[in-house]
Amino acid sequence: MRKPTRPAVDSMIAPAHGVTREGQPLSYNRAPAADLAPWVARLYATVVEAPPGHRTACGLFNDVATIRVQLKGEWTAETAEGPRAHGRAALFFGPQSRRMPVSVTGSFISIGIALRPGTGHAVRGVSADDYLDRLLLCDELRLPGEQALRLIDDAAEPETWLTQLEALIRRVVNEPGVQRPDPVSARFEALAFTDPAASVAEFARDCGITQRQLERIVRRDFGMPPKQVLRRARALDMASHLRGVADQAEAEELALRYYDQSHLIREFTALFGMSPTQFIARPQPILTLTLESRQARRLELTKRLLPGEPRPWE
């Protein structure tokens, strides 16, 4: 499958960490320190310059809960509970079932941590389905939000920011009573990256549990039933391909996950609120940044890419 056209870009913004070969914005993102890997999926820092008053209208679509420390920019998000607006703030975004419309006015800096499925239950005893498509202040969940805002120096280097966030989250996961996420969830997360067209029933048998048990674990740790998690994973991989932040050697494999073109269009439109053609034709800078970080993690997890190695789209 080939992309019909080059994906559109927002020429008014200037990402500090460069762009892909096709002009899509990049963040500074990397894997977590080894001791945090059971709970943390990825860390990122995004720095973007834009003219005063310029409004970047886009969206977010994360398959995991994310702590986002917004140091600069005036942000709005259309959450399950209605619109939310924040300037400088430390926010907890639950996993998203579909594209969440967001916008930011002016230049922006956002740094954060993508959490692995089940981290909420292992650390705070909460279920992901209670936070699906929601947004809260970090301190509402006893996460170090205000502490992070006091600690972080806006003028520091991105790696310093990420190291500071790791130190804060390390304190949290080392609290008494904190567990590691359920190993079934870790295996299902890997399945979503490697074979999102797989049979849920066969996966449950391979894990030695009933399909009903799997449904309960996945809903608790991913926020949705297993089939919906895999459906979302297929769509996110396809969106990454359409934005030019995926390994193009996988293009045919990604297309074969759908029965035909009409199946792709129907599924993609249901989750992103627009057709694949419209998705390519509109600038998607914020969403592309999250897709690129997710694809980098996916390629590293599947051993197609070594940490720190140049990515196929760079």
Protein backbone atom coordinates (compact mmCIF):
# COMPACT_ATOMS: atom_id res chain seq x y z
CA MET A 1 0.00 0.00 0.00
CA ARG A 2 1.29 3.44 -0.91
CA LYS A 3 0.30 6.74 0.57
CA PRO A 4 -1.58 8.69 -2.13
CA THR A 5 0.16 11.99 -1.40
CA ARG A 6 2.79 13.52 0.86
CA PRO A 7 1.19 14.28 4.25
CA ALA A 8 0.46 17.94 4.90
CA VAL A 9 2.61 19.98 7.30
CA ASP A 10 2.00 23.14 9.33
CA SER A 11 4.61 25.51 7.91
CA MET A 12 4.03 28.01 10.73
CA ILE A 13 5.62 25.85 13.43
CA ALA A 14 9.31 25.03 13.98
CA PRO A 15 10.04 21.84 15.99
CA ALA A 16 13.29 22.14 17.94
CA HIS A 17 14.18 18.49 17.32
CA GLY A 18 13.81 18.57 13.57
CA VAL A 19 11.52 16.86 11.12
CA THR A 20 11.26 13.59 9.24
CA ARG A 21 12.20 13.17 5.58
CA GLU A 22 8.62 14.17 4.75
CA GLY A 23 8.66 17.24 6.99
CA GLN A 24 6.73 15.83 9.95
CA PRO A 25 7.73 17.16 13.41
CA LEU A 26 9.88 15.13 15.78
CA SER A 27 10.23 15.13 19.55
CA TYR A 28 13.10 13.96 21.70
CA ASN A 29 11.89 10.58 22.95
CA ARG A 30 13.54 7.49 24.39
CA ALA A 31 13.02 4.32 26.37
CA PRO A 32 12.96 4.57 30.18
CA ALA A 33 15.77 3.59 32.52
CA ALA A 34 15.85 -0.20 32.94
CA ASP A 35 14.55 -0.14 36.52
CA LEU A 36 11.45 1.79 35.42
CA ALA A 37 10.67 -0.32 32.34
CA PRO A 38 7.96 -2.44 34.07
CA TRP A 39 5.86 0.71 34.64
CA VAL A 40 7.04 3.24 32.02
CA ALA A 41 6.66 2.79 28.27
CA ARG A 42 8.32 5.93 26.88
CA LEU A 43 9.51 9.43 27.76
CA TYR A 44 9.35 12.41 25.45
CA ALA A 45 10.13 16.12 25.24
CA THR A 46 8.51 18.33 22.61
CA VAL A 47 9.66 21.90 21.98
CA VAL A 48 7.92 23.82 19.19
CA GLU A 49 8.19 27.48 18.24
CA ALA A 50 5.17 29.19 16.71
CA PRO A 51 4.13 32.80 16.06
CA PRO A 52 2.28 34.50 18.94
CA GLY A 53 -1.41 33.74 18.66
CA HIS A 54 -0.92 30.90 16.20
CA ARG A 55 -3.42 28.14 16.99
CA THR A 56 -2.35 24.58 16.27
CA ALA A 57 -5.57 22.56 16.04
CA CYS A 58 -4.92 18.85 16.11
CA GLY A 59 -5.58 15.82 18.30
CA LEU A 60 -4.15 13.21 20.63
CA PHE A 61 -4.61 9.46 20.39
CA ASN A 62 -2.67 7.54 23.02
CA ASP A 63 -3.16 3.85 23.67
CA VAL A 64 -1.74 4.20 27.19
CA ALA A 65 -2.18 6.61 30.08
CA THR A 66 0.21 9.55 29.87
CA ILE A 67 1.58 12.10 32.30
CA ARG A 68 2.05 15.36 30.38
CA VAL A 69 3.88 18.29 31.98
CA GLN A 70 2.97 21.32 29.88
CA LEU A 71 5.54 24.04 30.45
CA LYS A 72 4.47 26.44 27.72
CA GLY A 73 1.43 27.10 25.53
CA GLU A 74 -2.29 27.52 26.13
CA TRP A 75 -3.90 24.11 25.66
CA THR A 76 -7.48 22.93 25.23
CA ALA A 77 -8.77 19.35 25.01
CA GLU A 78 -12.20 17.85 24.29
CA THR A 79 -12.42 15.15 26.95
CA ALA A 80 -15.16 12.66 27.81
CA GLU A 81 -16.29 15.16 30.45
CA GLY A 82 -16.29 18.17 28.15
CA PRO A 83 -13.71 20.80 27.15
CA ARG A 84 -10.72 21.48 29.42
CA ALA A 85 -8.28 24.38 29.16
CA HIS A 86 -4.85 24.59 30.82
CA GLY A 87 -1.70 26.64 30.57
CA ARG A 88 1.31 25.52 32.56
CA ALA A 89 0.15 22.33 34.28
CA ALA A 90 0.98 18.71 35.09
CA LEU A 91 -1.82 16.55 33.68
CA PHE A 92 -2.82 12.89 33.65
CA PHE A 93 -4.47 11.70 30.44
CA GLY A 94 -6.17 8.32 30.54
CA PRO A 95 -5.88 6.05 27.51
CA GLN A 96 -7.98 7.17 24.58
CA SER A 97 -10.59 5.14 22.74
CA ARG A 98 -10.48 7.49 19.75
CA ARG A 99 -8.82 10.70 18.60
CA MET A 100 -9.22 13.44 21.22
CA PRO A 101 -9.37 16.94 19.67
CA VAL A 102 -6.76 19.24 21.19
CA SER A 103 -5.33 22.63 20.32
CA VAL A 104 -2.53 24.85 21.58
CA THR A 105 -1.99 28.56 21.05
CA GLY A 106 1.52 29.94 20.58
CA SER A 107 4.82 28.16 21.11
CA PHE A 108 4.66 25.10 23.30
CA ILE A 109 6.77 22.79 25.43
CA SER A 110 5.40 19.47 26.61
CA ILE A 111 7.33 16.73 28.37
CA GLY A 112 5.97 13.51 29.66
CA ILE A 113 5.82 9.85 30.46
CA ALA A 114 3.74 7.22 28.71
CA LEU A 115 2.79 4.59 31.28
CA ARG A 116 2.55 0.89 30.53
CA PRO A 117 -0.86 -0.80 30.71
CA GLY A 118 -1.66 -1.85 34.26
CA THR A 119 0.58 0.72 35.91
CA GLY A 120 -2.41 2.56 37.38
CA HIS A 121 -3.70 -0.60 39.02
CA ALA A 122 -0.24 -1.71 40.20
CA VAL A 123 0.69 1.68 41.66
CA ARG A 124 -2.58 3.28 42.78
CA GLY A 125 -5.11 0.46 42.58
CA VAL A 126 -7.14 2.21 39.86
CA SER A 127 -8.66 0.79 36.68
CA ALA A 128 -7.94 2.27 33.28
CA ASP A 129 -11.59 2.09 32.24
CA ASP A 130 -12.38 4.69 34.92
CA TYR A 131 -10.09 7.17 33.15
CA LEU A 132 -10.76 6.39 29.49
CA ASP A 133 -10.76 9.63 27.45
CA ARG A 134 -10.45 11.68 30.65
CA LEU A 135 -8.03 14.35 31.84
CA LEU A 136 -7.10 15.11 35.46
CA LEU A 137 -4.51 17.11 37.33
CA CYS A 138 -1.70 14.77 38.41
CA ASP A 139 -2.14 15.72 42.05
CA GLU A 140 -5.70 14.37 41.97
CA LEU A 141 -4.15 10.90 41.61
CA ARG A 142 -1.37 11.55 44.13
CA LEU A 143 1.16 11.86 41.34
CA PRO A 144 3.93 14.48 41.64
CA GLY A 145 2.38 17.21 39.51
CA GLU A 146 3.06 20.46 41.35
CA GLN A 147 6.36 18.99 42.49
CA ALA A 148 7.36 18.44 38.88
CA LEU A 149 6.42 21.98 37.91
CA ARG A 150 8.55 23.39 40.75
CA LEU A 151 11.50 21.15 39.95
CA ILE A 152 11.74 21.52 36.19
CA ASP A 153 13.71 24.41 34.73
CA ASP A 154 12.16 25.49 31.42
CA ALA A 155 15.62 26.41 30.09
CA ALA A 156 17.21 23.02 30.81
CA GLU A 157 18.08 20.46 28.15
CA PRO A 158 15.44 17.84 27.24
CA GLU A 159 17.49 14.97 28.64
CA THR A 160 17.67 16.80 31.98
CA TRP A 161 13.87 17.09 31.98
CA LEU A 162 13.42 13.39 31.32
CA THR A 163 15.95 12.40 33.95
CA GLN A 164 14.14 14.58 36.48
CA LEU A 165 10.80 12.99 35.60
CA GLU A 166 12.34 9.55 35.96
CA ALA A 167 13.57 10.48 39.45
CA LEU A 168 10.06 11.57 40.44
CA ILE A 169 8.33 8.48 39.08
CA ARG A 170 11.01 6.27 40.66
CA ARG A 171 9.96 7.56 44.06
CA VAL A 172 6.36 6.63 43.27
CA VAL A 173 7.04 3.07 42.11
CA ASN A 174 9.32 2.48 45.11
CA GLU A 175 6.58 3.30 47.58
CA PRO A 176 5.54 0.44 49.90
CA GLY A 177 2.89 -1.82 48.40
CA VAL A 178 3.53 -0.93 44.75
CA GLN A 179 3.41 -3.97 42.47
CA ARG A 180 4.47 -4.65 38.91
CA PRO A 181 1.70 -4.67 36.29
CA ASP A 182 -0.01 -7.98 35.55
CA PRO A 183 2.20 -10.13 33.26
CA VAL A 184 -0.88 -10.97 31.17
CA SER A 185 -1.20 -7.27 30.35
CA ALA A 186 2.47 -7.10 29.39
CA ARG A 187 1.96 -10.04 27.02
CA PHE A 188 -1.18 -8.50 25.55
CA GLU A 189 0.62 -5.20 25.04
CA ALA A 190 3.30 -7.06 23.05
CA LEU A 191 0.56 -8.80 21.02
CA ALA A 192 -0.95 -5.42 20.10
CA PHE A 193 2.44 -4.34 18.75
CA THR A 194 3.30 -7.55 16.91
CA ASP A 195 0.03 -9.12 15.73
CA PRO A 196 -3.08 -7.01 16.33
CA ALA A 197 -5.04 -9.26 13.98
CA ALA A 198 -4.54 -12.23 16.34
CA SER A 199 -7.33 -14.30 17.88
CA VAL A 200 -8.24 -13.16 21.40
CA ALA A 201 -9.47 -16.65 22.27
CA GLU A 202 -6.19 -18.26 21.22
CA PHE A 203 -4.21 -15.67 23.19
CA ALA A 204 -6.21 -16.44 26.33
CA ARG A 205 -5.54 -20.17 25.89
CA ASP A 206 -1.83 -19.49 25.43
CA CYS A 207 -1.86 -17.58 28.74
CA GLY A 208 -3.63 -20.42 30.51
CA ILE A 209 -6.68 -18.33 31.42
CA THR A 210 -10.26 -18.15 30.24
CA GLN A 211 -11.36 -15.54 27.74
CA ARG A 212 -13.58 -14.03 30.43
CA GLN A 213 -10.56 -13.61 32.73
CA LEU A 214 -8.64 -11.98 29.88
CA GLU A 215 -11.52 -9.60 29.21
CA ARG A 216 -11.53 -8.52 32.86
CA ILE A 217 -7.74 -7.98 33.02
CA VAL A 218 -7.55 -6.09 29.73
CA ARG A 219 -10.51 -3.85 30.49
CA ARG A 220 -8.96 -3.01 33.87
CA ASP A 221 -5.47 -2.30 32.50
CA PHE A 222 -6.19 -0.99 28.96
CA GLY A 223 -9.59 0.60 29.51
CA MET A 224 -11.33 -1.35 26.75
CA PRO A 225 -12.16 -4.96 25.77
CA PRO A 226 -9.35 -6.91 24.05
CA LYS A 227 -10.82 -6.73 20.55
CA GLN A 228 -11.14 -2.96 20.78
CA VAL A 229 -7.53 -2.68 21.99
CA LEU A 230 -6.33 -4.62 18.95
CA ARG A 231 -8.58 -2.62 16.63
CA ARG A 232 -7.06 0.59 18.02
CA ALA A 233 -3.53 -0.78 17.58
CA ARG A 234 -4.19 -1.55 13.90
CA ALA A 235 -5.50 1.96 13.34
CA LEU A 236 -2.56 3.62 15.13
CA ASP A 237 -0.07 1.65 13.05
CA MET A 238 -1.89 2.64 9.88
CA ALA A 239 -2.03 6.30 10.95
CA SER A 240 1.74 6.20 11.55
CA HIS A 241 2.22 4.84 8.05
CA LEU A 242 0.03 7.57 6.55
CA ARG A 243 1.98 10.30 8.37
CA GLY A 244 5.35 8.87 7.33
CA VAL A 245 6.49 7.86 10.83
CA ALA A 246 6.50 4.09 10.36
CA ASP A 247 8.84 1.60 8.75
CA GLN A 248 7.68 1.73 5.13
CA ALA A 249 8.93 -1.84 4.65
CA GLU A 250 5.84 -2.83 6.67
CA ALA A 251 3.36 -1.03 4.39
CA GLU A 252 1.95 -4.15 2.75
CA GLU A 253 1.71 -6.01 6.04
CA LEU A 254 -0.19 -3.11 7.63
CA ALA A 255 -2.63 -2.98 4.72
CA LEU A 256 -3.32 -6.72 4.91
CA ARG A 257 -4.67 -6.29 8.43
CA TYR A 258 -7.82 -4.94 6.76
CA TYR A 259 -10.12 -6.98 4.53
CA ASP A 260 -10.24 -4.32 1.84
CA GLN A 261 -10.10 -0.56 1.29
CA SER A 262 -13.66 0.01 2.47
CA HIS A 263 -12.91 -1.85 5.72
CA LEU A 264 -9.87 0.39 6.28
CA ILE A 265 -11.83 3.57 5.57
CA ARG A 266 -14.70 2.53 7.86
CA GLU A 267 -12.45 1.54 10.77
CA PHE A 268 -10.12 4.52 10.42
CA THR A 269 -12.96 7.03 10.19
CA ALA A 270 -14.66 5.58 13.28
CA LEU A 271 -11.52 6.08 15.39
CA PHE A 272 -10.00 9.25 13.92
CA GLY A 273 -13.13 11.13 12.88
CA MET A 274 -11.89 11.49 9.31
CA SER A 275 -11.02 9.30 6.35
CA PRO A 276 -7.41 8.28 5.61
CA THR A 277 -7.36 10.74 2.70
CA GLN A 278 -8.51 13.59 4.93
CA PHE A 279 -5.98 12.52 7.58
CA ILE A 280 -3.16 12.92 5.06
CA ALA A 281 -4.47 16.21 3.68
CA ARG A 282 -4.58 18.01 7.05
CA PRO A 283 -1.56 18.92 9.17
CA GLN A 284 -1.47 16.69 12.26
CA PRO A 285 1.63 17.90 14.15
CA ILE A 286 0.68 17.02 17.74
CA LEU A 287 -0.80 13.66 16.81
CA THR A 288 2.18 12.84 14.59
CA LEU A 289 4.53 13.46 17.51
CA THR A 290 2.70 10.87 19.62
CA LEU A 291 2.54 8.40 16.73
CA GLU A 292 6.28 8.71 16.09
CA SER A 293 7.15 8.08 19.73
CA ARG A 294 4.86 5.03 19.81
CA GLN A 295 6.35 3.61 16.60
CA ALA A 296 9.89 4.06 17.91
CA ARG A 297 8.93 2.07 21.00
CA ARG A 298 7.16 -0.57 18.90
CA LEU A 299 10.20 -1.11 16.66
CA GLU A 300 12.48 -1.32 19.69
CA LEU A 301 10.17 -3.76 21.47
CA THR A 302 9.98 -6.01 18.40
CA LYS A 303 13.80 -5.85 17.97
CA ARG A 304 13.52 -4.16 14.58
CA LEU A 305 15.40 -1.16 15.97
CA LEU A 306 18.05 -0.74 18.65
CA PRO A 307 17.64 2.07 21.20
CA GLY A 308 19.42 5.16 19.87
CA GLU A 309 19.63 3.77 16.33
CA PRO A 310 18.39 6.08 13.53
CA ARG A 311 14.71 5.49 12.80
CA PRO A 312 13.56 4.61 9.27
CA TRP A 313 11.67 7.88 8.85
CA GLU A 314 14.53 10.18 9.92
